[in-house]
Amino acid sequence: MKIGPLENKIPPAPAGAQRKPAAEPATPASPEPSAKVELSATASAIAGGLADGSFDAHKVEQLTRAIRDGQFRIDPQAIADKLLANARELLDRGRH
């Protein structure tokens, strides 16, 4: 993978070359402002539901056992339906 022009590469220092001591990093006078982040209603609901750290251990064990035993089945129709529903929701949100 080519990241930049090869002509701009700095040649490696000779094996016995002396290293210069690193300059002390400059400390900014004041911190830069942070970017403002807003979660969508769906993301907030998901984050709120997971905030307590609880989960259904019994369901996780059932899924683990089904996968391990080769009995877990994936329903591609259900996955496609959910993807389409999510896409519709996003598109409808963009129109309002």
PDB file of N, CA and C in Angstrom:
ATOM      1  N   MET A   1       0.855  -1.170   0.000  1.00  0.00           N
ATOM      2  CA  MET A   1       0.000   0.000   0.000  1.00  0.00           C
ATOM      3  C   MET A   1       0.897   1.227   0.000  1.00  0.00           C
ATOM      4  N   LYS A   2       0.664   2.124  -0.897  1.00  0.00           N
ATOM      5  CA  LYS A   2       1.451   3.345  -1.009  1.00  0.00           C
ATOM      6  C   LYS A   2       0.739   4.458  -0.268  1.00  0.00           C
ATOM      7  N   ILE A   3       1.402   5.054   0.702  1.00  0.00           N
ATOM      8  CA  ILE A   3       0.799   6.108   1.511  1.00  0.00           C
ATOM      9  C   ILE A   3       1.187   7.481   0.993  1.00  0.00           C
ATOM     10  N   GLY A   4       2.381   7.637   0.562  1.00  0.00           N
ATOM     11  CA  GLY A   4       2.834   8.933   0.083  1.00  0.00           C
ATOM     12  C   GLY A   4       3.948   8.748  -0.925  1.00  0.00           C
ATOM     13  N   PRO A   5       4.431   9.833  -1.500  1.00  0.00           N
ATOM     14  CA  PRO A   5       5.514   9.722  -2.479  1.00  0.00           C
ATOM     15  C   PRO A   5       6.776   9.167  -1.820  1.00  0.00           C
ATOM     16  N   LEU A   6       7.461   8.315  -2.548  1.00  0.00           N
ATOM     17  CA  LEU A   6       8.673   7.704  -2.010  1.00  0.00           C
ATOM     18  C   LEU A   6       9.813   8.704  -1.882  1.00  0.00           C
ATOM     19  N   GLU A   7       9.784   9.771  -2.668  1.00  0.00           N
ATOM     20  CA  GLU A   7      10.859  10.763  -2.629  1.00  0.00           C
ATOM     21  C   GLU A   7      10.924  11.484  -1.290  1.00  0.00           C
ATOM     22  N   ASN A   8       9.817  11.558  -0.554  1.00  0.00           N
ATOM     23  CA  ASN A   8       9.764  12.309   0.694  1.00  0.00           C
ATOM     24  C   ASN A   8      10.205  11.500   1.904  1.00  0.00           C
ATOM     25  N   LYS A   9      10.596  10.250   1.715  1.00  0.00           N
ATOM     26  CA  LYS A   9      10.989   9.423   2.852  1.00  0.00           C
ATOM     27  C   LYS A   9      12.329   9.898   3.403  1.00  0.00           C
ATOM     28  N   ILE A  10      12.445   9.906   4.727  1.00  0.00           N
ATOM     29  CA  ILE A  10      13.677  10.292   5.401  1.00  0.00           C
ATOM     30  C   ILE A  10      14.551   9.053   5.491  1.00  0.00           C
ATOM     31  N   PRO A  11      15.807   9.146   5.027  1.00  0.00           N
ATOM     32  CA  PRO A  11      16.668   7.964   5.085  1.00  0.00           C
ATOM     33  C   PRO A  11      16.970   7.606   6.537  1.00  0.00           C
ATOM     34  N   PRO A  12      17.114   6.305   6.834  1.00  0.00           N
ATOM     35  CA  PRO A  12      17.419   5.895   8.200  1.00  0.00           C
ATOM     36  C   PRO A  12      18.798   6.390   8.624  1.00  0.00           C
ATOM     37  N   ALA A  13      18.950   6.667   9.904  1.00  0.00           N
ATOM     38  CA  ALA A  13      20.234   7.141  10.431  1.00  0.00           C
ATOM     39  C   ALA A  13      21.233   5.989  10.419  1.00  0.00           C
ATOM     40  N   PRO A  14      22.518   6.300  10.235  1.00  0.00           N
ATOM     41  CA  PRO A  14      23.529   5.250  10.281  1.00  0.00           C
ATOM     42  C   PRO A  14      23.509   4.567  11.655  1.00  0.00           C
ATOM     43  N   ALA A  15      23.956   3.328  11.688  1.00  0.00           N
ATOM     44  CA  ALA A  15      23.877   2.518  12.909  1.00  0.00           C
ATOM     45  C   ALA A  15      24.570   3.174  14.095  1.00  0.00           C
ATOM     46  N   GLY A  16      25.690   3.817  13.905  1.00  0.00           N
ATOM     47  CA  GLY A  16      26.433   4.383  15.022  1.00  0.00           C
ATOM     48  C   GLY A  16      26.129   5.855  15.275  1.00  0.00           C
ATOM     49  N   ALA A  17      25.102   6.393  14.648  1.00  0.00           N
ATOM     50  CA  ALA A  17      24.820   7.822  14.765  1.00  0.00           C
ATOM     51  C   ALA A  17      24.347   8.180  16.166  1.00  0.00           C
ATOM     52  N   GLN A  18      24.714   9.376  16.602  1.00  0.00           N
ATOM     53  CA  GLN A  18      24.283   9.881  17.900  1.00  0.00           C
ATOM     54  C   GLN A  18      22.843  10.369  17.792  1.00  0.00           C
ATOM     55  N   ARG A  19      22.064  10.085  18.813  1.00  0.00           N
ATOM     56  CA  ARG A  19      20.695  10.575  18.836  1.00  0.00           C
ATOM     57  C   ARG A  19      20.650  11.889  19.589  1.00  0.00           C
ATOM     58  N   LYS A  20      19.831  12.810  19.069  1.00  0.00           N
ATOM     59  CA  LYS A  20      19.630  14.077  19.755  1.00  0.00           C
ATOM     60  C   LYS A  20      18.588  13.859  20.847  1.00  0.00           C
ATOM     61  N   PRO A  21      18.746  14.525  21.989  1.00  0.00           N
ATOM     62  CA  PRO A  21      17.721  14.389  23.022  1.00  0.00           C
ATOM     63  C   PRO A  21      16.397  14.964  22.514  1.00  0.00           C
ATOM     64  N   ALA A  22      15.314  14.306  22.876  1.00  0.00           N
ATOM     65  CA  ALA A  22      13.990  14.748  22.439  1.00  0.00           C
ATOM     66  C   ALA A  22      13.650  16.081  23.084  1.00  0.00           C
ATOM     67  N   ALA A  23      13.063  16.958  22.286  1.00  0.00           N
ATOM     68  CA  ALA A  23      12.641  18.260  22.810  1.00  0.00           C
ATOM     69  C   ALA A  23      11.422  18.049  23.700  1.00  0.00           C
ATOM     70  N   GLU A  24      11.291  18.876  24.706  1.00  0.00           N
ATOM     71  CA  GLU A  24      10.140  18.782  25.595  1.00  0.00           C
ATOM     72  C   GLU A  24       8.888  19.164  24.824  1.00  0.00           C
ATOM     73  N   PRO A  25       7.803  18.402  24.992  1.00  0.00           N
ATOM     74  CA  PRO A  25       6.578  18.735  24.251  1.00  0.00           C
ATOM     75  C   PRO A  25       6.015  20.074  24.710  1.00  0.00           C
ATOM     76  N   ALA A  26       5.513  20.813  23.744  1.00  0.00           N
ATOM     77  CA  ALA A  26       4.911  22.110  24.056  1.00  0.00           C
ATOM     78  C   ALA A  26       3.558  21.883  24.707  1.00  0.00           C
ATOM     79  N   THR A  27       3.276  22.631  25.739  1.00  0.00           N
ATOM     80  CA  THR A  27       1.978  22.512  26.397  1.00  0.00           C
ATOM     81  C   THR A  27       1.104  23.659  25.921  1.00  0.00           C
ATOM     82  N   PRO A  28      -0.092  23.345  25.433  1.00  0.00           N
ATOM     83  CA  PRO A  28      -0.954  24.424  24.956  1.00  0.00           C
ATOM     84  C   PRO A  28      -1.441  25.277  26.118  1.00  0.00           C
ATOM     85  N   ALA A  29      -1.687  26.544  25.824  1.00  0.00           N
ATOM     86  CA  ALA A  29      -2.141  27.478  26.853  1.00  0.00           C
ATOM     87  C   ALA A  29      -3.516  27.083  27.373  1.00  0.00           C
ATOM     88  N   SER A  30      -4.386  26.621  26.493  1.00  0.00           N
ATOM     89  CA  SER A  30      -5.709  26.166  26.912  1.00  0.00           C
ATOM     90  C   SER A  30      -6.117  24.990  26.037  1.00  0.00           C
ATOM     91  N   PRO A  31      -6.888  24.082  26.581  1.00  0.00           N
ATOM     92  CA  PRO A  31      -7.279  22.914  25.783  1.00  0.00           C
ATOM     93  C   PRO A  31      -8.212  23.322  24.646  1.00  0.00           C
ATOM     94  N   GLU A  32      -8.147  22.538  23.570  1.00  0.00           N
ATOM     95  CA  GLU A  32      -9.017  22.796  22.428  1.00  0.00           C
ATOM     96  C   GLU A  32     -10.441  22.359  22.774  1.00  0.00           C
ATOM     97  N   PRO A  33     -11.439  23.047  22.261  1.00  0.00           N
ATOM     98  CA  PRO A  33     -12.824  22.647  22.561  1.00  0.00           C
ATOM     99  C   PRO A  33     -13.130  21.286  21.942  1.00  0.00           C
ATOM    100  N   SER A  34     -13.950  20.517  22.612  1.00  0.00           N
ATOM    101  CA  SER A  34     -14.329  19.197  22.127  1.00  0.00           C
ATOM    102  C   SER A  34     -15.430  19.324  21.085  1.00  0.00           C
ATOM    103  N   ALA A  35     -15.537  18.291  20.281  1.00  0.00           N
ATOM    104  CA  ALA A  35     -16.627  18.250  19.316  1.00  0.00           C
ATOM    105  C   ALA A  35     -17.918  17.921  20.056  1.00  0.00           C
ATOM    106  N   LYS A  36     -19.009  18.464  19.583  1.00  0.00           N
ATOM    107  CA  LYS A  36     -20.298  18.191  20.205  1.00  0.00           C
ATOM    108  C   LYS A  36     -20.888  16.947  19.558  1.00  0.00           C
ATOM    109  N   VAL A  37     -21.311  15.999  20.378  1.00  0.00           N
ATOM    110  CA  VAL A  37     -21.869  14.746  19.886  1.00  0.00           C
ATOM    111  C   VAL A  37     -23.301  14.627  20.370  1.00  0.00           C
ATOM    112  N   GLU A  38     -24.195  14.291  19.453  1.00  0.00           N
ATOM    113  CA  GLU A  38     -25.589  14.071  19.801  1.00  0.00           C
ATOM    114  C   GLU A  38     -25.999  12.687  19.330  1.00  0.00           C
ATOM    115  N   LEU A  39     -26.651  11.925  20.208  1.00  0.00           N
ATOM    116  CA  LEU A  39     -27.121  10.602  19.843  1.00  0.00           C
ATOM    117  C   LEU A  39     -28.539  10.684  19.304  1.00  0.00           C
ATOM    118  N   SER A  40     -28.838   9.813  18.357  1.00  0.00           N
ATOM    119  CA  SER A  40     -30.217   9.741  17.865  1.00  0.00           C
ATOM    120  C   SER A  40     -31.092   9.148  18.952  1.00  0.00           C
ATOM    121  N   ALA A  41     -32.384   9.236  18.761  1.00  0.00           N
ATOM    122  CA  ALA A  41     -33.319   8.678  19.745  1.00  0.00           C
ATOM    123  C   ALA A  41     -33.111   7.171  19.882  1.00  0.00           C
ATOM    124  N   THR A  42     -32.862   6.492  18.766  1.00  0.00           N
ATOM    125  CA  THR A  42     -32.650   5.043  18.802  1.00  0.00           C
ATOM    126  C   THR A  42     -31.373   4.712  19.557  1.00  0.00           C
ATOM    127  N   ALA A  43     -30.299   5.442  19.271  1.00  0.00           N
ATOM    128  CA  ALA A  43     -29.030   5.187  19.956  1.00  0.00           C
ATOM    129  C   ALA A  43     -29.152   5.477  21.448  1.00  0.00           C
ATOM    130  N   SER A  44     -29.886   6.520  21.792  1.00  0.00           N
ATOM    131  CA  SER A  44     -30.091   6.846  23.210  1.00  0.00           C
ATOM    132  C   SER A  44     -30.876   5.747  23.913  1.00  0.00           C
ATOM    133  N   ALA A  45     -31.886   5.212  23.230  1.00  0.00           N
ATOM    134  CA  ALA A  45     -32.680   4.134  23.820  1.00  0.00           C
ATOM    135  C   ALA A  45     -31.831   2.887  24.016  1.00  0.00           C
ATOM    136  N   ILE A  46     -31.002   2.586  23.038  1.00  0.00           N
ATOM    137  CA  ILE A  46     -30.132   1.413  23.151  1.00  0.00           C
ATOM    138  C   ILE A  46     -29.129   1.625  24.274  1.00  0.00           C
ATOM    139  N   ALA A  47     -28.504   2.790  24.293  1.00  0.00           N
ATOM    140  CA  ALA A  47     -27.516   3.072  25.339  1.00  0.00           C
ATOM    141  C   ALA A  47     -28.166   3.058  26.717  1.00  0.00           C
ATOM    142  N   GLY A  48     -29.377   3.581  26.819  1.00  0.00           N
ATOM    143  CA  GLY A  48     -30.081   3.593  28.099  1.00  0.00           C
ATOM    144  C   GLY A  48     -30.417   2.195  28.567  1.00  0.00           C
ATOM    145  N   GLY A  49     -30.753   1.321  27.623  1.00  0.00           N
ATOM    146  CA  GLY A  49     -31.096  -0.053  27.983  1.00  0.00           C
ATOM    147  C   GLY A  49     -29.897  -0.857  28.419  1.00  0.00           C
ATOM    148  N   LEU A  50     -28.738  -0.492  27.934  1.00  0.00           N
ATOM    149  CA  LEU A  50     -27.528  -1.244  28.274  1.00  0.00           C
ATOM    150  C   LEU A  50     -26.752  -0.607  29.413  1.00  0.00           C
ATOM    151  N   ALA A  51     -27.187   0.545  29.854  1.00  0.00           N
ATOM    152  CA  ALA A  51     -26.434   1.290  30.859  1.00  0.00           C
ATOM    153  C   ALA A  51     -26.347   0.551  32.187  1.00  0.00           C
ATOM    154  N   ASP A  52     -27.360  -0.261  32.494  1.00  0.00           N
ATOM    155  CA  ASP A  52     -27.335  -0.933  33.791  1.00  0.00           C
ATOM    156  C   ASP A  52     -26.436  -2.167  33.780  1.00  0.00           C
ATOM    157  N   GLY A  53     -25.953  -2.575  32.612  1.00  0.00           N
ATOM    158  CA  GLY A  53     -25.028  -3.702  32.528  1.00  0.00           C
ATOM    159  C   GLY A  53     -25.699  -5.055  32.623  1.00  0.00           C
ATOM    160  N   SER A  54     -27.027  -5.098  32.669  1.00  0.00           N
ATOM    161  CA  SER A  54     -27.712  -6.380  32.782  1.00  0.00           C
ATOM    162  C   SER A  54     -27.902  -7.005  31.411  1.00  0.00           C
ATOM    163  N   PHE A  55     -28.009  -8.323  31.421  1.00  0.00           N
ATOM    164  CA  PHE A  55     -28.317  -9.062  30.214  1.00  0.00           C
ATOM    165  C   PHE A  55     -28.962 -10.377  30.628  1.00  0.00           C
ATOM    166  N   ASP A  56     -29.552 -11.043  29.671  1.00  0.00           N
ATOM    167  CA  ASP A  56     -30.252 -12.294  29.941  1.00  0.00           C
ATOM    168  C   ASP A  56     -29.246 -13.448  29.841  1.00  0.00           C
ATOM    169  N   ALA A  57     -28.669 -13.824  30.966  1.00  0.00           N
ATOM    170  CA  ALA A  57     -27.639 -14.872  30.987  1.00  0.00           C
ATOM    171  C   ALA A  57     -28.196 -16.199  30.479  1.00  0.00           C
ATOM    172  N   HIS A  58     -29.454 -16.477  30.797  1.00  0.00           N
ATOM    173  CA  HIS A  58     -30.057 -17.734  30.347  1.00  0.00           C
ATOM    174  C   HIS A  58     -30.141 -17.779  28.817  1.00  0.00           C
ATOM    175  N   LYS A  59     -30.542 -16.668  28.208  1.00  0.00           N
ATOM    176  CA  LYS A  59     -30.636 -16.615  26.752  1.00  0.00           C
ATOM    177  C   LYS A  59     -29.254 -16.741  26.118  1.00  0.00           C
ATOM    178  N   VAL A  60     -28.260 -16.095  26.712  1.00  0.00           N
ATOM    179  CA  VAL A  60     -26.893 -16.187  26.199  1.00  0.00           C
ATOM    180  C   VAL A  60     -26.419 -17.640  26.254  1.00  0.00           C
ATOM    181  N   GLU A  61     -26.697 -18.325  27.351  1.00  0.00           N
ATOM    182  CA  GLU A  61     -26.310 -19.733  27.489  1.00  0.00           C
ATOM    183  C   GLU A  61     -27.019 -20.599  26.447  1.00  0.00           C
ATOM    184  N   GLN A  62     -28.303 -20.341  26.203  1.00  0.00           N
ATOM    185  CA  GLN A  62     -29.044 -21.100  25.191  1.00  0.00           C
ATOM    186  C   GLN A  62     -28.437 -20.901  23.800  1.00  0.00           C
ATOM    187  N   LEU A  63     -28.126 -19.663  23.475  1.00  0.00           N
ATOM    188  CA  LEU A  63     -27.511 -19.378  22.170  1.00  0.00           C
ATOM    189  C   LEU A  63     -26.138 -20.021  22.054  1.00  0.00           C
ATOM    190  N   THR A  64     -25.360 -19.928  23.120  1.00  0.00           N
ATOM    191  CA  THR A  64     -24.022 -20.532  23.113  1.00  0.00           C
ATOM    192  C   THR A  64     -24.112 -22.029  22.879  1.00  0.00           C
ATOM    193  N   ARG A  65     -25.026 -22.673  23.581  1.00  0.00           N
ATOM    194  CA  ARG A  65     -25.200 -24.126  23.446  1.00  0.00           C
ATOM    195  C   ARG A  65     -25.659 -24.484  22.030  1.00  0.00           C
ATOM    196  N   ALA A  66     -26.611 -23.714  21.474  1.00  0.00           N
ATOM    197  CA  ALA A  66     -27.100 -23.988  20.126  1.00  0.00           C
ATOM    198  C   ALA A  66     -25.997 -23.831  19.087  1.00  0.00           C
ATOM    199  N   ILE A  67     -25.171 -22.815  19.230  1.00  0.00           N
ATOM    200  CA  ILE A  67     -24.048 -22.617  18.299  1.00  0.00           C
ATOM    201  C   ILE A  67     -23.050 -23.753  18.429  1.00  0.00           C
ATOM    202  N   ARG A  68     -22.695 -24.084  19.670  1.00  0.00           N
ATOM    203  CA  ARG A  68     -21.730 -25.157  19.919  1.00  0.00           C
ATOM    204  C   ARG A  68     -22.217 -26.490  19.362  1.00  0.00           C
ATOM    205  N   ASP A  69     -23.525 -26.774  19.495  1.00  0.00           N
ATOM    206  CA  ASP A  69     -24.084 -28.047  19.043  1.00  0.00           C
ATOM    207  C   ASP A  69     -24.455 -28.045  17.565  1.00  0.00           C
ATOM    208  N   GLY A  70     -24.246 -26.912  16.885  1.00  0.00           N
ATOM    209  CA  GLY A  70     -24.559 -26.829  15.460  1.00  0.00           C
ATOM    210  C   GLY A  70     -26.046 -26.731  15.180  1.00  0.00           C
ATOM    211  N   GLN A  71     -26.837 -26.319  16.158  1.00  0.00           N
ATOM    212  CA  GLN A  71     -28.287 -26.233  15.993  1.00  0.00           C
ATOM    213  C   GLN A  71     -28.789 -24.804  15.797  1.00  0.00           C
ATOM    214  N   PHE A  72     -27.903 -23.831  15.866  1.00  0.00           N
ATOM    215  CA  PHE A  72     -28.316 -22.440  15.701  1.00  0.00           C
ATOM    216  C   PHE A  72     -28.612 -22.188  14.229  1.00  0.00           C
ATOM    217  N   ARG A  73     -29.781 -21.705  13.939  1.00  0.00           N
ATOM    218  CA  ARG A  73     -30.192 -21.430  12.566  1.00  0.00           C
ATOM    219  C   ARG A  73     -30.394 -19.933  12.386  1.00  0.00           C
ATOM    220  N   ILE A  74     -29.925 -19.452  11.259  1.00  0.00           N
ATOM    221  CA  ILE A  74     -30.056 -18.038  10.924  1.00  0.00           C
ATOM    222  C   ILE A  74     -31.217 -17.904   9.947  1.00  0.00           C
ATOM    223  N   ASP A  75     -32.092 -16.954  10.200  1.00  0.00           N
ATOM    224  CA  ASP A  75     -33.239 -16.712   9.330  1.00  0.00           C
ATOM    225  C   ASP A  75     -32.922 -15.504   8.445  1.00  0.00           C
ATOM    226  N   PRO A  76     -32.460 -15.747   7.210  1.00  0.00           N
ATOM    227  CA  PRO A  76     -32.075 -14.625   6.346  1.00  0.00           C
ATOM    228  C   PRO A  76     -33.245 -13.698   6.033  1.00  0.00           C
ATOM    229  N   GLN A  77     -34.458 -14.235   5.982  1.00  0.00           N
ATOM    230  CA  GLN A  77     -35.637 -13.399   5.708  1.00  0.00           C
ATOM    231  C   GLN A  77     -35.865 -12.400   6.846  1.00  0.00           C
ATOM    232  N   ALA A  78     -35.711 -12.861   8.097  1.00  0.00           N
ATOM    233  CA  ALA A  78     -35.885 -11.968   9.246  1.00  0.00           C
ATOM    234  C   ALA A  78     -34.809 -10.886   9.259  1.00  0.00           C
ATOM    235  N   ILE A  79     -33.581 -11.258   8.913  1.00  0.00           N
ATOM    236  CA  ILE A  79     -32.486 -10.282   8.870  1.00  0.00           C
ATOM    237  C   ILE A  79     -32.770  -9.239   7.791  1.00  0.00           C
ATOM    238  N   ALA A  80     -33.193  -9.692   6.612  1.00  0.00           N
ATOM    239  CA  ALA A  80     -33.499  -8.765   5.518  1.00  0.00           C
ATOM    240  C   ALA A  80     -34.638  -7.828   5.910  1.00  0.00           C
ATOM    241  N   ASP A  81     -35.668  -8.373   6.558  1.00  0.00           N
ATOM    242  CA  ASP A  81     -36.798  -7.538   6.984  1.00  0.00           C
ATOM    243  C   ASP A  81     -36.349  -6.457   7.956  1.00  0.00           C
ATOM    244  N   LYS A  82     -35.494  -6.819   8.921  1.00  0.00           N
ATOM    245  CA  LYS A  82     -35.009  -5.838   9.899  1.00  0.00           C
ATOM    246  C   LYS A  82     -34.144  -4.770   9.227  1.00  0.00           C
ATOM    247  N   LEU A  83     -33.275  -5.189   8.292  1.00  0.00           N
ATOM    248  CA  LEU A  83     -32.434  -4.220   7.581  1.00  0.00           C
ATOM    249  C   LEU A  83     -33.291  -3.231   6.798  1.00  0.00           C
ATOM    250  N   LEU A  84     -34.318  -3.741   6.122  1.00  0.00           N
ATOM    251  CA  LEU A  84     -35.200  -2.859   5.364  1.00  0.00           C
ATOM    252  C   LEU A  84     -35.971  -1.917   6.285  1.00  0.00           C
ATOM    253  N   ALA A  85     -36.445  -2.426   7.415  1.00  0.00           N
ATOM    254  CA  ALA A  85     -37.168  -1.582   8.370  1.00  0.00           C
ATOM    255  C   ALA A  85     -36.261  -0.476   8.903  1.00  0.00           C
ATOM    256  N   ASN A  86     -35.003  -0.814   9.210  1.00  0.00           N
ATOM    257  CA  ASN A  86     -34.059   0.189   9.699  1.00  0.00           C
ATOM    258  C   ASN A  86     -33.769   1.236   8.627  1.00  0.00           C
ATOM    259  N   ALA A  87     -33.622   0.782   7.374  1.00  0.00           N
ATOM    260  CA  ALA A  87     -33.365   1.720   6.280  1.00  0.00           C
ATOM    261  C   ALA A  87     -34.554   2.657   6.087  1.00  0.00           C
ATOM    262  N   ARG A  88     -35.771   2.105   6.152  1.00  0.00           N
ATOM    263  CA  ARG A  88     -36.969   2.946   6.026  1.00  0.00           C
ATOM    264  C   ARG A  88     -37.019   3.993   7.138  1.00  0.00           C
ATOM    265  N   GLU A  89     -36.704   3.553   8.357  1.00  0.00           N
ATOM    266  CA  GLU A  89     -36.724   4.476   9.492  1.00  0.00           C
ATOM    267  C   GLU A  89     -35.735   5.616   9.285  1.00  0.00           C
ATOM    268  N   LEU A  90     -34.540   5.289   8.834  1.00  0.00           N
ATOM    269  CA  LEU A  90     -33.525   6.323   8.584  1.00  0.00           C
ATOM    270  C   LEU A  90     -33.951   7.267   7.474  1.00  0.00           C
ATOM    271  N   LEU A  91     -34.522   6.717   6.404  1.00  0.00           N
ATOM    272  CA  LEU A  91     -34.957   7.559   5.291  1.00  0.00           C
ATOM    273  C   LEU A  91     -36.118   8.460   5.715  1.00  0.00           C
ATOM    274  N   ASP A  92     -37.056   7.918   6.486  1.00  0.00           N
ATOM    275  CA  ASP A  92     -38.181   8.737   6.951  1.00  0.00           C
ATOM    276  C   ASP A  92     -37.706   9.856   7.866  1.00  0.00           C
ATOM    277  N   ARG A  93     -36.706   9.577   8.686  1.00  0.00           N
ATOM    278  CA  ARG A  93     -36.166  10.591   9.581  1.00  0.00           C
ATOM    279  C   ARG A  93     -35.522  11.723   8.790  1.00  0.00           C
ATOM    280  N   GLY A  94     -34.901  11.395   7.664  1.00  0.00           N
ATOM    281  CA  GLY A  94     -34.237  12.412   6.836  1.00  0.00           C
ATOM    282  C   GLY A  94     -35.215  13.341   6.138  1.00  0.00           C
ATOM    283  N   ARG A  95     -36.449  12.894   5.951  1.00  0.00           N
ATOM    284  CA  ARG A  95     -37.448  13.702   5.257  1.00  0.00           C
ATOM    285  C   ARG A  95     -38.086  14.740   6.168  1.00  0.00           C
ATOM    286  N   HIS A  96     -38.034  14.536   7.461  1.00  0.00           N
ATOM    287  CA  HIS A  96     -38.721  15.438   8.399  1.00  0.00           C
ATOM    288  C   HIS A  96     -37.807  16.492   8.895  1.00  0.00           C
TER     289      HIS A  96
END
